[in-house]
Amino acid sequence: MTPADFASLCVLLVDDNRHTRAVVRTILEALGVTKLREAVDGTDGIQKFQLFPADIIICDRVMEPMDGLEFVRRVRTGNESPNPYVPIIMLTAHTELNRIVEARNAGVHEVLAKPISAKALADRIMTILRNPRPFVRRGEYFGPVQRRDLPAAAVGS
């Protein structure tokens, strides 16, 4: 992708940590993103998403009062969601397998471990844009096809 490709993206950044938002914003701006909105938590993120046509959402996992998992579920299945198909990258310091499975089962496209790097974030965005995944509805789940097989013990966690 070129800086022009990134410049055309509308990105919604949802994180309750001001420092993390500043770091991610700086990385996105360095990549060429010019259309960026920030939200301070999941509730604010839902409100901003209703007004801002995001092409990609980047959200933290641990937030108050609405955490990242609930935010993702509301984007995917909530009546107030303007686009349940929007790609979502979740940032987290909690990289245990069961936490990754929870994020995947909530409907995220990609999980990115903190601390993040510009290269890792750019790679995740490019993966999402170059290889769009179809969406499926299975029982309570609605989200991108879960392309990665995880150990059976982790899925049951």
Protein backbone atom coordinates (compact mmCIF):
# COMPACT_ATOMS: atom_id res chain seq x y z
CA MET A 1 0.00 0.00 0.00
CA THR A 2 1.09 3.53 -0.66
CA PRO A 3 0.59 6.58 1.55
CA ALA A 4 -2.21 7.55 -0.86
CA ASP A 5 -3.98 4.26 -0.07
CA PHE A 6 -3.75 4.96 3.66
CA ALA A 7 -4.88 8.56 3.08
CA SER A 8 -8.20 7.30 1.73
CA LEU A 9 -8.94 5.27 4.88
CA CYS A 10 -11.34 6.42 7.58
CA VAL A 11 -10.09 4.99 10.89
CA LEU A 12 -11.89 4.97 14.24
CA LEU A 13 -9.54 4.53 17.21
CA VAL A 14 -11.20 3.43 20.45
CA ASP A 15 -8.99 3.35 23.55
CA ASP A 16 -9.42 4.72 27.06
CA ASN A 17 -5.68 5.41 27.45
CA ARG A 18 -4.71 8.84 26.16
CA HIS A 19 -1.06 7.83 25.71
CA THR A 20 -1.96 4.74 23.65
CA ARG A 21 -4.27 6.83 21.47
CA ALA A 22 -1.44 9.33 20.89
CA VAL A 23 1.00 6.55 19.90
CA VAL A 24 -1.47 4.88 17.54
CA ARG A 25 -2.52 8.24 16.06
CA THR A 26 1.13 9.11 15.40
CA ILE A 27 1.71 5.77 13.67
CA LEU A 28 -1.44 6.12 11.56
CA GLU A 29 -0.55 9.67 10.56
CA ALA A 30 2.98 8.53 9.62
CA LEU A 31 1.39 5.86 7.42
CA GLY A 32 -0.65 8.55 5.67
CA VAL A 33 -4.02 8.27 7.43
CA THR A 34 -5.72 11.67 7.45
CA LYS A 35 -9.31 10.74 8.34
CA LEU A 36 -9.14 9.63 11.95
CA ARG A 37 -11.59 9.89 14.84
CA GLU A 38 -10.87 8.94 18.43
CA ALA A 39 -13.16 7.60 21.12
CA VAL A 40 -12.29 7.37 24.81
CA ASP A 41 -14.14 4.10 25.54
CA GLY A 42 -16.52 1.58 24.01
CA THR A 43 -19.64 3.64 24.66
CA ASP A 44 -18.07 6.70 23.07
CA GLY A 45 -16.85 4.45 20.24
CA ILE A 46 -20.38 3.29 19.42
CA GLN A 47 -21.58 6.91 19.35
CA LYS A 48 -18.69 8.06 17.13
CA PHE A 49 -19.12 5.07 14.80
CA GLN A 50 -22.73 6.10 14.18
CA LEU A 51 -21.49 9.47 12.90
CA PHE A 52 -18.20 8.51 11.23
CA PRO A 53 -18.09 5.99 8.35
CA ALA A 54 -15.01 4.06 9.50
CA ASP A 55 -13.30 1.71 7.06
CA ILE A 56 -11.35 0.13 9.93
CA ILE A 57 -11.75 0.23 13.70
CA ILE A 58 -8.80 -0.16 16.04
CA CYS A 59 -9.88 -0.79 19.63
CA ASP A 60 -8.38 -1.68 22.96
CA ARG A 61 -9.53 -4.75 24.81
CA VAL A 62 -9.54 -3.47 28.40
CA MET A 63 -11.65 -0.33 28.78
CA GLU A 64 -14.24 1.00 31.21
CA PRO A 65 -17.21 1.17 31.31
CA MET A 66 -17.63 -0.86 28.08
CA ASP A 67 -14.70 -3.16 27.30
CA GLY A 68 -13.40 -3.98 23.84
CA LEU A 69 -15.16 -7.34 23.59
CA GLU A 70 -18.56 -5.81 24.30
CA PHE A 71 -17.78 -2.96 21.90
CA VAL A 72 -16.98 -5.48 19.13
CA ARG A 73 -20.16 -7.46 19.85
CA ARG A 74 -22.25 -4.29 19.63
CA VAL A 75 -20.59 -3.29 16.35
CA ARG A 76 -21.28 -6.76 14.95
CA THR A 77 -24.81 -7.37 16.21
CA GLY A 78 -26.17 -4.20 17.82
CA ASN A 79 -29.16 -2.42 16.31
CA GLU A 80 -27.25 0.88 16.54
CA SER A 81 -24.34 -0.35 14.38
CA PRO A 82 -24.18 1.35 10.98
CA ASN A 83 -21.79 -1.28 9.56
CA PRO A 84 -21.48 -4.71 11.21
CA TYR A 85 -18.96 -5.74 8.52
CA VAL A 86 -16.30 -3.15 9.37
CA PRO A 87 -12.85 -4.71 9.94
CA ILE A 88 -11.71 -4.52 13.56
CA ILE A 89 -8.17 -4.75 14.93
CA MET A 90 -7.99 -5.30 18.68
CA LEU A 91 -5.01 -4.05 20.68
CA THR A 92 -4.19 -5.91 23.87
CA ALA A 93 -1.48 -6.60 26.40
CA HIS A 94 -3.33 -9.83 27.26
CA THR A 95 -2.03 -12.31 24.70
CA GLU A 96 -2.87 -15.57 26.43
CA LEU A 97 -4.45 -18.03 24.01
CA ASN A 98 -7.83 -17.98 25.75
CA ARG A 99 -7.93 -14.17 25.42
CA ILE A 100 -7.09 -14.36 21.71
CA VAL A 101 -9.90 -16.92 21.29
CA GLU A 102 -12.32 -14.60 23.12
CA ALA A 103 -11.42 -11.74 20.80
CA ARG A 104 -11.77 -13.96 17.73
CA ASN A 105 -15.12 -15.25 18.99
CA ALA A 106 -16.33 -11.69 19.53
CA GLY A 107 -15.69 -10.96 15.85
CA VAL A 108 -12.33 -9.21 15.53
CA HIS A 109 -10.31 -9.59 12.35
CA GLU A 110 -6.87 -9.24 13.89
CA VAL A 111 -5.31 -9.02 17.35
CA LEU A 112 -2.20 -6.93 17.86
CA ALA A 113 -0.09 -7.28 20.99
CA LYS A 114 1.01 -4.21 22.91
CA PRO A 115 3.39 -2.54 22.70
CA ILE A 116 2.62 -2.14 19.02
CA SER A 117 5.01 -1.18 16.24
CA ALA A 118 4.30 0.83 13.12
CA LYS A 119 5.25 -2.14 10.95
CA ALA A 120 2.94 -4.54 12.80
CA LEU A 121 -0.02 -2.15 12.58
CA ALA A 122 0.62 -1.42 8.88
CA ASP A 123 0.92 -5.16 8.18
CA ARG A 124 -2.42 -5.88 9.92
CA ILE A 125 -4.17 -3.11 8.02
CA MET A 126 -2.74 -4.31 4.70
CA THR A 127 -3.75 -7.92 5.47
CA ILE A 128 -7.32 -6.82 6.13
CA LEU A 129 -7.54 -4.71 2.99
CA ARG A 130 -5.75 -7.07 0.61
CA ASN A 131 -7.44 -10.25 1.85
CA PRO A 132 -11.01 -9.42 2.84
CA ARG A 133 -12.69 -12.29 4.63
CA PRO A 134 -16.31 -13.28 4.16
CA PHE A 135 -18.65 -13.01 7.11
CA VAL A 136 -20.60 -15.85 8.66
CA ARG A 137 -23.41 -16.25 11.15
CA ARG A 138 -23.14 -19.35 13.33
CA GLY A 139 -25.41 -19.45 16.36
CA GLU A 140 -24.57 -16.38 18.44
CA TYR A 141 -21.48 -15.57 16.35
CA PHE A 142 -21.48 -13.03 13.56
CA GLY A 143 -18.18 -11.92 12.13
CA PRO A 144 -15.37 -12.74 9.76
CA VAL A 145 -14.66 -16.36 8.92
CA GLN A 146 -12.42 -17.65 11.68
CA ARG A 147 -9.54 -18.71 9.48
CA ARG A 148 -7.11 -19.77 12.15
CA ASP A 149 -7.52 -23.16 13.77
CA LEU A 150 -6.84 -23.03 17.47
CA PRO A 151 -6.35 -25.93 19.87
CA ALA A 152 -9.66 -27.48 20.91
CA ALA A 153 -8.89 -26.86 24.60
CA ALA A 154 -8.56 -23.12 23.93
CA VAL A 155 -11.79 -22.89 21.96
CA GLY A 156 -13.70 -24.41 24.86
CA SER A 157 -12.18 -21.91 27.30
